[in-house]
N, C-alpha and C. Protein backbone atom coordinates (compact mmCIF):
# COMPACT_ATOMS: atom_id res chain seq x y z
N MET A 1 18.41 -1.84 38.29
CA MET A 1 17.35 -2.50 37.54
C MET A 1 16.24 -1.51 37.19
N LYS A 2 15.95 -0.59 38.14
CA LYS A 2 14.91 0.39 37.91
C LYS A 2 15.26 1.30 36.73
N THR A 3 16.53 1.66 36.60
CA THR A 3 16.98 2.51 35.51
C THR A 3 16.78 1.81 34.16
N LYS A 4 17.07 0.51 34.08
CA LYS A 4 16.88 -0.23 32.84
C LYS A 4 15.41 -0.26 32.45
N ASN A 5 14.51 -0.44 33.41
CA ASN A 5 13.08 -0.46 33.13
C ASN A 5 12.59 0.89 32.61
N ILE A 6 13.11 1.96 33.16
CA ILE A 6 12.71 3.29 32.71
C ILE A 6 13.21 3.53 31.29
N VAL A 7 14.44 3.16 31.01
CA VAL A 7 15.00 3.32 29.67
C VAL A 7 14.20 2.49 28.67
N LEU A 8 13.86 1.25 29.02
CA LEU A 8 13.07 0.40 28.14
C LEU A 8 11.70 1.01 27.89
N ALA A 9 11.06 1.50 28.92
CA ALA A 9 9.73 2.12 28.78
C ALA A 9 9.81 3.34 27.87
N LEU A 10 10.82 4.17 28.02
CA LEU A 10 10.97 5.35 27.16
C LEU A 10 11.23 4.94 25.71
N ALA A 11 12.01 3.90 25.51
CA ALA A 11 12.28 3.41 24.15
C ALA A 11 11.00 2.91 23.50
N LEU A 12 10.18 2.19 24.25
CA LEU A 12 8.92 1.68 23.70
C LEU A 12 7.95 2.81 23.39
N LEU A 13 7.94 3.85 24.21
CA LEU A 13 7.07 5.00 23.94
C LEU A 13 7.51 5.75 22.69
N ALA A 14 8.78 5.76 22.41
CA ALA A 14 9.30 6.45 21.23
C ALA A 14 9.05 5.67 19.95
N LEU A 15 8.78 4.37 20.04
CA LEU A 15 8.60 3.54 18.86
C LEU A 15 7.54 4.06 17.89
N PRO A 16 6.33 4.44 18.36
CA PRO A 16 5.35 4.96 17.40
C PRO A 16 5.85 6.21 16.67
N ALA A 17 6.60 7.06 17.33
CA ALA A 17 7.14 8.25 16.68
C ALA A 17 8.12 7.88 15.58
N VAL A 18 8.91 6.84 15.81
CA VAL A 18 9.87 6.38 14.80
C VAL A 18 9.12 5.85 13.58
N VAL A 19 8.07 5.07 13.81
CA VAL A 19 7.28 4.53 12.71
C VAL A 19 6.62 5.67 11.94
N GLN A 20 6.03 6.63 12.64
CA GLN A 20 5.37 7.76 12.00
C GLN A 20 6.37 8.59 11.20
N ALA A 21 7.60 8.68 11.67
CA ALA A 21 8.63 9.47 10.99
C ALA A 21 9.00 8.88 9.63
N GLN A 22 8.60 7.64 9.36
CA GLN A 22 8.89 7.00 8.08
C GLN A 22 7.93 7.44 6.97
N PHE A 23 6.92 8.22 7.33
CA PHE A 23 5.91 8.63 6.36
C PHE A 23 5.81 10.14 6.30
N THR A 24 5.59 10.66 5.09
CA THR A 24 5.16 12.04 4.97
C THR A 24 3.65 11.96 4.73
N TYR A 25 2.93 12.98 5.19
CA TYR A 25 1.48 12.89 5.12
C TYR A 25 0.85 14.27 5.17
N THR A 26 -0.42 14.30 4.80
CA THR A 26 -1.22 15.51 4.93
C THR A 26 -2.42 15.19 5.80
N THR A 27 -2.98 16.22 6.39
CA THR A 27 -4.18 16.08 7.21
C THR A 27 -5.31 16.82 6.52
N ASN A 28 -6.47 16.16 6.40
CA ASN A 28 -7.63 16.79 5.78
C ASN A 28 -8.88 16.29 6.48
N ASN A 29 -9.64 17.19 7.04
CA ASN A 29 -10.88 16.85 7.75
C ASN A 29 -10.67 15.79 8.82
N GLY A 30 -9.58 15.90 9.56
CA GLY A 30 -9.33 14.99 10.67
C GLY A 30 -8.85 13.61 10.27
N ALA A 31 -8.39 13.45 9.04
CA ALA A 31 -7.89 12.16 8.58
C ALA A 31 -6.54 12.36 7.90
N ILE A 32 -5.75 11.30 7.88
CA ILE A 32 -4.40 11.34 7.33
C ILE A 32 -4.36 10.68 5.96
N THR A 33 -3.65 11.32 5.02
CA THR A 33 -3.30 10.72 3.74
C THR A 33 -1.79 10.59 3.71
N ILE A 34 -1.29 9.39 3.56
CA ILE A 34 0.15 9.18 3.43
C ILE A 34 0.54 9.61 2.03
N THR A 35 1.52 10.53 1.95
CA THR A 35 1.94 11.07 0.66
C THR A 35 3.33 10.60 0.25
N GLY A 36 4.06 9.99 1.19
CA GLY A 36 5.39 9.51 0.87
C GLY A 36 5.92 8.59 1.93
N TYR A 37 6.97 7.86 1.58
CA TYR A 37 7.62 6.93 2.49
C TYR A 37 9.11 7.21 2.48
N THR A 38 9.69 7.37 3.68
CA THR A 38 11.11 7.70 3.80
C THR A 38 11.87 6.66 4.62
N GLY A 39 11.22 5.55 4.96
CA GLY A 39 11.84 4.53 5.79
C GLY A 39 12.85 3.68 5.05
N PRO A 40 13.40 2.70 5.76
CA PRO A 40 14.47 1.87 5.20
C PRO A 40 14.01 0.78 4.23
N GLY A 41 12.72 0.53 4.14
CA GLY A 41 12.22 -0.52 3.26
C GLY A 41 11.89 -1.77 4.04
N GLY A 42 11.95 -2.92 3.37
CA GLY A 42 11.57 -4.17 4.01
C GLY A 42 10.07 -4.28 4.12
N ASP A 43 9.61 -4.85 5.22
CA ASP A 43 8.19 -5.01 5.47
C ASP A 43 7.64 -3.72 6.05
N VAL A 44 6.67 -3.11 5.38
CA VAL A 44 6.11 -1.83 5.81
C VAL A 44 4.65 -2.05 6.22
N THR A 45 4.29 -1.54 7.38
CA THR A 45 2.91 -1.57 7.83
C THR A 45 2.38 -0.15 7.85
N ILE A 46 1.27 0.07 7.17
CA ILE A 46 0.62 1.37 7.20
C ILE A 46 -0.01 1.51 8.58
N PRO A 47 0.36 2.56 9.34
CA PRO A 47 -0.19 2.68 10.70
C PRO A 47 -1.68 3.00 10.68
N ALA A 48 -2.39 2.57 11.71
CA ALA A 48 -3.82 2.86 11.82
C ALA A 48 -4.04 4.34 12.11
N THR A 49 -3.12 4.93 12.87
CA THR A 49 -3.22 6.34 13.21
C THR A 49 -1.84 6.99 13.14
N ILE A 50 -1.84 8.28 12.93
CA ILE A 50 -0.65 9.11 13.05
C ILE A 50 -1.07 10.33 13.84
N ASN A 51 -0.36 10.61 14.91
CA ASN A 51 -0.69 11.74 15.80
C ASN A 51 -2.15 11.69 16.25
N GLY A 52 -2.66 10.49 16.47
CA GLY A 52 -4.02 10.31 16.97
C GLY A 52 -5.11 10.42 15.91
N LEU A 53 -4.75 10.67 14.66
CA LEU A 53 -5.74 10.77 13.59
C LEU A 53 -5.71 9.51 12.73
N PRO A 54 -6.86 9.07 12.22
CA PRO A 54 -6.89 7.83 11.43
C PRO A 54 -6.23 8.01 10.07
N VAL A 55 -5.51 7.00 9.65
CA VAL A 55 -4.93 6.96 8.31
C VAL A 55 -5.98 6.34 7.41
N THR A 56 -6.51 7.14 6.47
CA THR A 56 -7.59 6.66 5.60
C THR A 56 -7.19 6.56 4.14
N SER A 57 -6.06 7.15 3.77
CA SER A 57 -5.67 7.16 2.36
C SER A 57 -4.17 6.98 2.18
N ILE A 58 -3.84 6.36 1.07
CA ILE A 58 -2.46 6.31 0.58
C ILE A 58 -2.49 7.10 -0.72
N GLY A 59 -1.76 8.19 -0.77
CA GLY A 59 -1.85 9.11 -1.90
C GLY A 59 -1.18 8.63 -3.17
N ASP A 60 -1.41 9.38 -4.23
CA ASP A 60 -0.78 9.11 -5.53
C ASP A 60 0.73 9.02 -5.36
N SER A 61 1.32 7.99 -5.91
CA SER A 61 2.78 7.79 -5.94
C SER A 61 3.44 7.81 -4.56
N ALA A 62 2.71 7.50 -3.51
CA ALA A 62 3.25 7.58 -2.14
C ALA A 62 4.49 6.71 -1.95
N PHE A 63 4.53 5.56 -2.58
CA PHE A 63 5.68 4.65 -2.47
C PHE A 63 6.45 4.56 -3.78
N TYR A 64 6.22 5.47 -4.67
CA TYR A 64 6.81 5.42 -6.01
C TYR A 64 8.32 5.21 -5.96
N ASN A 65 8.78 4.20 -6.67
CA ASN A 65 10.20 3.91 -6.86
C ASN A 65 10.94 3.57 -5.55
N LYS A 66 10.22 3.08 -4.57
CA LYS A 66 10.85 2.67 -3.31
C LYS A 66 11.26 1.21 -3.45
N SER A 67 12.40 0.99 -4.07
CA SER A 67 12.83 -0.35 -4.44
C SER A 67 13.21 -1.22 -3.25
N ALA A 68 13.38 -0.66 -2.06
CA ALA A 68 13.73 -1.47 -0.88
C ALA A 68 12.51 -2.03 -0.17
N VAL A 69 11.32 -1.59 -0.53
CA VAL A 69 10.09 -2.09 0.11
C VAL A 69 9.78 -3.47 -0.44
N THR A 70 9.64 -4.46 0.47
CA THR A 70 9.39 -5.84 0.04
C THR A 70 7.96 -6.29 0.28
N SER A 71 7.28 -5.70 1.25
CA SER A 71 5.87 -6.01 1.48
C SER A 71 5.20 -4.82 2.15
N VAL A 72 3.90 -4.72 1.94
CA VAL A 72 3.10 -3.65 2.56
C VAL A 72 1.88 -4.30 3.18
N THR A 73 1.59 -3.91 4.42
CA THR A 73 0.38 -4.36 5.11
C THR A 73 -0.52 -3.16 5.30
N ILE A 74 -1.76 -3.29 4.85
CA ILE A 74 -2.75 -2.22 4.91
C ILE A 74 -3.84 -2.62 5.88
N GLY A 75 -4.12 -1.76 6.84
CA GLY A 75 -5.13 -2.04 7.86
C GLY A 75 -6.54 -1.81 7.36
N ASN A 76 -7.49 -1.88 8.28
CA ASN A 76 -8.89 -1.76 7.89
C ASN A 76 -9.37 -0.33 7.71
N GLY A 77 -8.55 0.67 8.07
CA GLY A 77 -8.97 2.05 7.96
C GLY A 77 -8.69 2.72 6.63
N VAL A 78 -7.84 2.13 5.80
CA VAL A 78 -7.49 2.73 4.52
C VAL A 78 -8.59 2.43 3.50
N THR A 79 -9.26 3.48 3.04
CA THR A 79 -10.37 3.30 2.11
C THR A 79 -10.12 3.96 0.76
N SER A 80 -8.93 4.53 0.58
CA SER A 80 -8.58 5.13 -0.69
C SER A 80 -7.09 4.93 -0.95
N ILE A 81 -6.77 4.43 -2.13
CA ILE A 81 -5.38 4.25 -2.54
C ILE A 81 -5.22 4.97 -3.87
N GLY A 82 -4.31 5.92 -3.89
CA GLY A 82 -4.12 6.77 -5.05
C GLY A 82 -3.45 6.07 -6.22
N PHE A 83 -3.47 6.75 -7.34
CA PHE A 83 -2.88 6.28 -8.57
C PHE A 83 -1.38 6.05 -8.39
N PHE A 84 -0.90 4.93 -8.85
CA PHE A 84 0.51 4.59 -8.85
C PHE A 84 1.12 4.62 -7.44
N ALA A 85 0.31 4.36 -6.42
CA ALA A 85 0.77 4.41 -5.03
C ALA A 85 1.99 3.52 -4.79
N PHE A 86 2.03 2.36 -5.45
CA PHE A 86 3.14 1.43 -5.29
C PHE A 86 3.91 1.26 -6.61
N GLY A 87 3.84 2.26 -7.46
CA GLY A 87 4.48 2.21 -8.77
C GLY A 87 5.99 2.07 -8.68
N ARG A 88 6.51 1.20 -9.51
CA ARG A 88 7.96 0.96 -9.64
C ARG A 88 8.62 0.52 -8.33
N CYS A 89 7.88 -0.16 -7.50
CA CYS A 89 8.45 -0.79 -6.30
C CYS A 89 8.91 -2.18 -6.72
N THR A 90 10.10 -2.25 -7.27
CA THR A 90 10.57 -3.46 -7.94
C THR A 90 10.84 -4.64 -7.01
N SER A 91 10.97 -4.40 -5.71
CA SER A 91 11.17 -5.49 -4.75
C SER A 91 9.90 -5.87 -4.02
N LEU A 92 8.81 -5.16 -4.29
CA LEU A 92 7.55 -5.42 -3.61
C LEU A 92 7.00 -6.78 -4.06
N ALA A 93 6.94 -7.72 -3.12
CA ALA A 93 6.49 -9.07 -3.43
C ALA A 93 5.07 -9.36 -2.98
N ALA A 94 4.57 -8.57 -2.01
CA ALA A 94 3.23 -8.86 -1.49
C ALA A 94 2.60 -7.62 -0.86
N ILE A 95 1.28 -7.52 -1.05
CA ILE A 95 0.47 -6.50 -0.38
C ILE A 95 -0.59 -7.27 0.38
N ALA A 96 -0.62 -7.07 1.69
CA ALA A 96 -1.61 -7.74 2.54
C ALA A 96 -2.61 -6.70 3.03
N VAL A 97 -3.88 -7.07 3.06
CA VAL A 97 -4.94 -6.17 3.51
C VAL A 97 -5.72 -6.85 4.63
N ASP A 98 -5.98 -6.09 5.69
CA ASP A 98 -6.79 -6.58 6.80
C ASP A 98 -8.14 -7.07 6.26
N THR A 99 -8.60 -8.22 6.70
CA THR A 99 -9.86 -8.79 6.20
C THR A 99 -11.07 -7.92 6.54
N ASN A 100 -10.94 -7.04 7.53
CA ASN A 100 -12.04 -6.14 7.90
C ASN A 100 -12.03 -4.83 7.13
N ASN A 101 -11.12 -4.67 6.18
CA ASN A 101 -11.08 -3.44 5.39
C ASN A 101 -12.32 -3.40 4.51
N PRO A 102 -13.07 -2.29 4.53
CA PRO A 102 -14.32 -2.23 3.76
C PRO A 102 -14.14 -1.95 2.27
N ALA A 103 -12.94 -1.55 1.84
CA ALA A 103 -12.74 -1.14 0.46
C ALA A 103 -11.80 -2.03 -0.35
N TYR A 104 -10.85 -2.69 0.33
CA TYR A 104 -9.82 -3.45 -0.37
C TYR A 104 -9.67 -4.85 0.20
N SER A 105 -9.07 -5.73 -0.60
CA SER A 105 -8.74 -7.08 -0.16
C SER A 105 -7.47 -7.51 -0.88
N SER A 106 -6.90 -8.61 -0.42
CA SER A 106 -5.72 -9.14 -1.11
C SER A 106 -5.83 -10.65 -1.19
N VAL A 107 -5.31 -11.17 -2.28
CA VAL A 107 -5.27 -12.61 -2.49
C VAL A 107 -3.87 -12.93 -3.00
N ALA A 108 -3.18 -13.81 -2.30
CA ALA A 108 -1.83 -14.22 -2.67
C ALA A 108 -0.90 -13.02 -2.88
N GLY A 109 -1.10 -11.98 -2.06
CA GLY A 109 -0.24 -10.81 -2.12
C GLY A 109 -0.60 -9.79 -3.19
N VAL A 110 -1.72 -9.99 -3.88
CA VAL A 110 -2.17 -9.09 -4.94
C VAL A 110 -3.31 -8.24 -4.39
N LEU A 111 -3.29 -6.93 -4.67
CA LEU A 111 -4.28 -5.99 -4.16
C LEU A 111 -5.48 -5.89 -5.09
N PHE A 112 -6.68 -6.14 -4.54
CA PHE A 112 -7.95 -6.04 -5.25
C PHE A 112 -8.87 -5.08 -4.52
N ASP A 113 -9.97 -4.68 -5.18
CA ASP A 113 -11.04 -4.02 -4.46
C ASP A 113 -11.70 -5.07 -3.57
N LYS A 114 -12.61 -4.65 -2.72
CA LYS A 114 -13.20 -5.58 -1.74
C LYS A 114 -13.92 -6.75 -2.41
N SER A 115 -14.63 -6.50 -3.50
CA SER A 115 -15.37 -7.57 -4.16
C SER A 115 -14.49 -8.44 -5.05
N GLN A 116 -13.22 -8.07 -5.18
CA GLN A 116 -12.25 -8.81 -5.99
C GLN A 116 -12.64 -8.89 -7.45
N THR A 117 -13.28 -7.83 -7.92
CA THR A 117 -13.60 -7.74 -9.34
C THR A 117 -12.69 -6.74 -10.06
N THR A 118 -11.90 -5.98 -9.29
CA THR A 118 -10.96 -5.03 -9.87
C THR A 118 -9.58 -5.27 -9.29
N LEU A 119 -8.64 -5.55 -10.17
CA LEU A 119 -7.25 -5.70 -9.77
C LEU A 119 -6.67 -4.30 -9.63
N ILE A 120 -6.18 -3.96 -8.44
CA ILE A 120 -5.64 -2.63 -8.17
C ILE A 120 -4.13 -2.60 -8.38
N GLN A 121 -3.41 -3.56 -7.78
CA GLN A 121 -1.95 -3.56 -7.89
C GLN A 121 -1.40 -4.96 -7.83
N TYR A 122 -0.60 -5.28 -8.81
CA TYR A 122 0.13 -6.54 -8.83
C TYR A 122 1.57 -6.21 -8.43
N PRO A 123 2.07 -6.74 -7.32
CA PRO A 123 3.41 -6.37 -6.84
C PRO A 123 4.51 -6.62 -7.86
N GLY A 124 5.44 -5.68 -7.93
CA GLY A 124 6.50 -5.70 -8.93
C GLY A 124 7.44 -6.88 -8.86
N ALA A 125 7.59 -7.51 -7.69
CA ALA A 125 8.53 -8.63 -7.57
C ALA A 125 7.87 -9.99 -7.66
N LYS A 126 6.57 -10.03 -7.94
CA LYS A 126 5.91 -11.34 -8.11
C LYS A 126 6.39 -11.96 -9.42
N PRO A 127 6.53 -13.27 -9.44
CA PRO A 127 7.03 -13.94 -10.66
C PRO A 127 6.11 -13.73 -11.86
N GLU A 128 6.71 -13.69 -13.02
CA GLU A 128 5.96 -13.54 -14.28
C GLU A 128 4.94 -14.65 -14.46
N ALA A 129 5.24 -15.85 -14.01
CA ALA A 129 4.36 -17.01 -14.24
C ALA A 129 3.00 -16.84 -13.59
N THR A 130 2.90 -15.98 -12.58
CA THR A 130 1.62 -15.79 -11.90
C THR A 130 1.04 -14.42 -12.22
N ARG A 131 1.41 -13.87 -13.35
CA ARG A 131 1.07 -12.49 -13.67
C ARG A 131 -0.42 -12.22 -13.80
N PHE A 132 -1.18 -13.00 -14.52
CA PHE A 132 -2.54 -12.60 -14.83
C PHE A 132 -3.55 -13.67 -14.44
N PRO A 133 -4.30 -13.44 -13.38
CA PRO A 133 -5.33 -14.41 -13.01
C PRO A 133 -6.47 -14.37 -14.03
N THR A 134 -7.04 -15.50 -14.31
CA THR A 134 -8.13 -15.54 -15.28
C THR A 134 -9.46 -15.12 -14.66
N ALA A 135 -9.56 -15.21 -13.36
CA ALA A 135 -10.77 -14.77 -12.67
C ALA A 135 -10.42 -14.41 -11.25
N SER A 136 -11.20 -13.53 -10.67
CA SER A 136 -10.93 -13.19 -9.28
C SER A 136 -11.36 -14.33 -8.39
N PRO A 137 -10.66 -14.55 -7.30
CA PRO A 137 -10.94 -15.69 -6.45
C PRO A 137 -12.35 -15.70 -5.85
N ALA A 138 -12.87 -14.57 -5.45
CA ALA A 138 -14.16 -14.55 -4.77
C ALA A 138 -15.34 -14.64 -5.72
N SER A 139 -15.30 -13.84 -6.79
CA SER A 139 -16.47 -13.75 -7.65
C SER A 139 -16.43 -14.67 -8.85
N GLY A 140 -15.22 -15.12 -9.23
CA GLY A 140 -15.11 -15.93 -10.42
C GLY A 140 -15.02 -15.10 -11.68
N THR A 141 -15.23 -13.78 -11.58
CA THR A 141 -15.17 -12.91 -12.74
C THR A 141 -14.44 -11.63 -12.39
N MET A 142 -13.42 -11.32 -13.15
CA MET A 142 -12.74 -10.04 -12.97
C MET A 142 -13.34 -9.08 -13.97
N ARG A 143 -13.81 -7.94 -13.49
CA ARG A 143 -14.47 -6.98 -14.36
C ARG A 143 -13.53 -5.93 -14.91
N SER A 144 -12.51 -5.57 -14.13
CA SER A 144 -11.62 -4.52 -14.63
C SER A 144 -10.25 -4.63 -13.99
N ILE A 145 -9.30 -4.00 -14.65
CA ILE A 145 -7.95 -3.89 -14.14
C ILE A 145 -7.64 -2.40 -14.13
N THR A 146 -7.31 -1.89 -12.95
CA THR A 146 -6.99 -0.49 -12.83
C THR A 146 -5.59 -0.26 -13.37
N ALA A 147 -5.47 0.55 -14.40
CA ALA A 147 -4.17 0.80 -15.01
C ALA A 147 -3.43 1.87 -14.23
N PRO A 148 -2.16 1.73 -13.97
CA PRO A 148 -1.36 0.55 -14.23
C PRO A 148 -1.37 -0.38 -13.03
N ALA A 149 -2.01 -1.50 -13.15
CA ALA A 149 -2.03 -2.49 -12.08
C ALA A 149 -0.71 -3.23 -12.01
N TRP A 150 -0.06 -3.37 -13.17
CA TRP A 150 1.23 -4.02 -13.21
C TRP A 150 2.31 -2.96 -13.23
N PRO A 151 3.48 -3.27 -12.70
CA PRO A 151 4.58 -2.31 -12.71
C PRO A 151 4.95 -1.93 -14.14
N ALA A 152 5.13 -0.64 -14.38
CA ALA A 152 5.46 -0.17 -15.73
C ALA A 152 6.77 -0.76 -16.22
N SER A 153 7.65 -1.14 -15.30
CA SER A 153 8.92 -1.72 -15.72
C SER A 153 8.74 -3.05 -16.45
N ARG A 154 7.56 -3.67 -16.34
CA ARG A 154 7.29 -4.94 -17.02
C ARG A 154 6.89 -4.73 -18.48
N PHE A 155 6.57 -3.48 -18.85
CA PHE A 155 6.14 -3.19 -20.20
C PHE A 155 7.22 -2.42 -20.92
N GLN A 156 7.55 -2.84 -22.12
CA GLN A 156 8.62 -2.16 -22.86
C GLN A 156 8.21 -0.77 -23.32
N THR A 157 6.93 -0.53 -23.55
CA THR A 157 6.50 0.75 -24.08
C THR A 157 6.08 1.75 -23.01
N ALA A 158 6.00 1.34 -21.77
CA ALA A 158 5.52 2.24 -20.73
C ALA A 158 6.61 3.22 -20.31
N SER A 159 6.19 4.43 -20.03
CA SER A 159 7.09 5.45 -19.50
C SER A 159 6.27 6.39 -18.63
N PRO A 160 6.90 7.10 -17.69
CA PRO A 160 6.13 8.01 -16.84
C PRO A 160 5.32 9.02 -17.64
N ALA A 161 5.83 9.47 -18.78
CA ALA A 161 5.12 10.45 -19.58
C ALA A 161 3.84 9.88 -20.19
N SER A 162 3.80 8.55 -20.39
CA SER A 162 2.63 7.94 -21.02
C SER A 162 1.61 7.44 -20.01
N GLU A 163 1.92 7.54 -18.73
CA GLU A 163 1.01 7.06 -17.71
C GLU A 163 -0.06 8.11 -17.43
N THR A 164 -1.30 7.76 -17.62
CA THR A 164 -2.39 8.69 -17.42
C THR A 164 -2.78 8.71 -15.95
N LYS A 165 -2.92 9.91 -15.40
CA LYS A 165 -3.26 10.05 -13.98
C LYS A 165 -4.73 9.67 -13.77
N ARG A 166 -4.96 8.79 -12.78
CA ARG A 166 -6.30 8.30 -12.49
C ARG A 166 -6.36 7.83 -11.07
N SER A 167 -7.46 7.97 -10.39
CA SER A 167 -7.58 7.56 -9.01
C SER A 167 -7.95 6.09 -8.92
N ASN A 168 -7.44 5.45 -7.87
CA ASN A 168 -7.76 4.05 -7.61
C ASN A 168 -8.67 3.92 -6.40
N SER A 169 -9.43 4.93 -6.07
CA SER A 169 -10.31 4.85 -4.91
C SER A 169 -11.32 3.74 -5.12
N ALA A 170 -11.37 2.83 -4.16
CA ALA A 170 -12.29 1.70 -4.26
C ALA A 170 -13.67 2.11 -3.82
N LYS A 171 -14.64 1.50 -4.41
CA LYS A 171 -16.02 1.71 -4.00
C LYS A 171 -16.50 0.44 -3.34
N ALA A 172 -16.82 0.55 -2.06
CA ALA A 172 -17.22 -0.64 -1.31
C ALA A 172 -18.56 -1.13 -1.74
């Protein structure tokens, strides 16, 4: 019985390393930016820390074309999400954000800035019928849509060459 407990304890200790191994990242000034995802897909949770450092950013195109990703959960430490971070994730149905996140929020699986006046990302697998809200839930007025907030695959004229590079860093 003692051997089983030791094996279980070692397996549980290895779990964070397995989760961290699903991401490529850079370190800058003691903080982590996720630059890519190599995991199997499904429900993905952005870790609060990697190697003891806080994860504060999701870089440009970090999840680009990861068609197996079905949902993403973002914690309260992520304060910057790069351009096209979830671009062409055709199975992505929902993005959830911790309510204590100072920069971002989510409503019905759609990613907004904290004040819900800027639509950041509309998941690629959400039904067409719910595509465009007329107003943000919190403020009653949507001021801007960060392009491309919708998956480029939904537009007949969009192509990677025509996508203009721009940051989606939220301002709290």
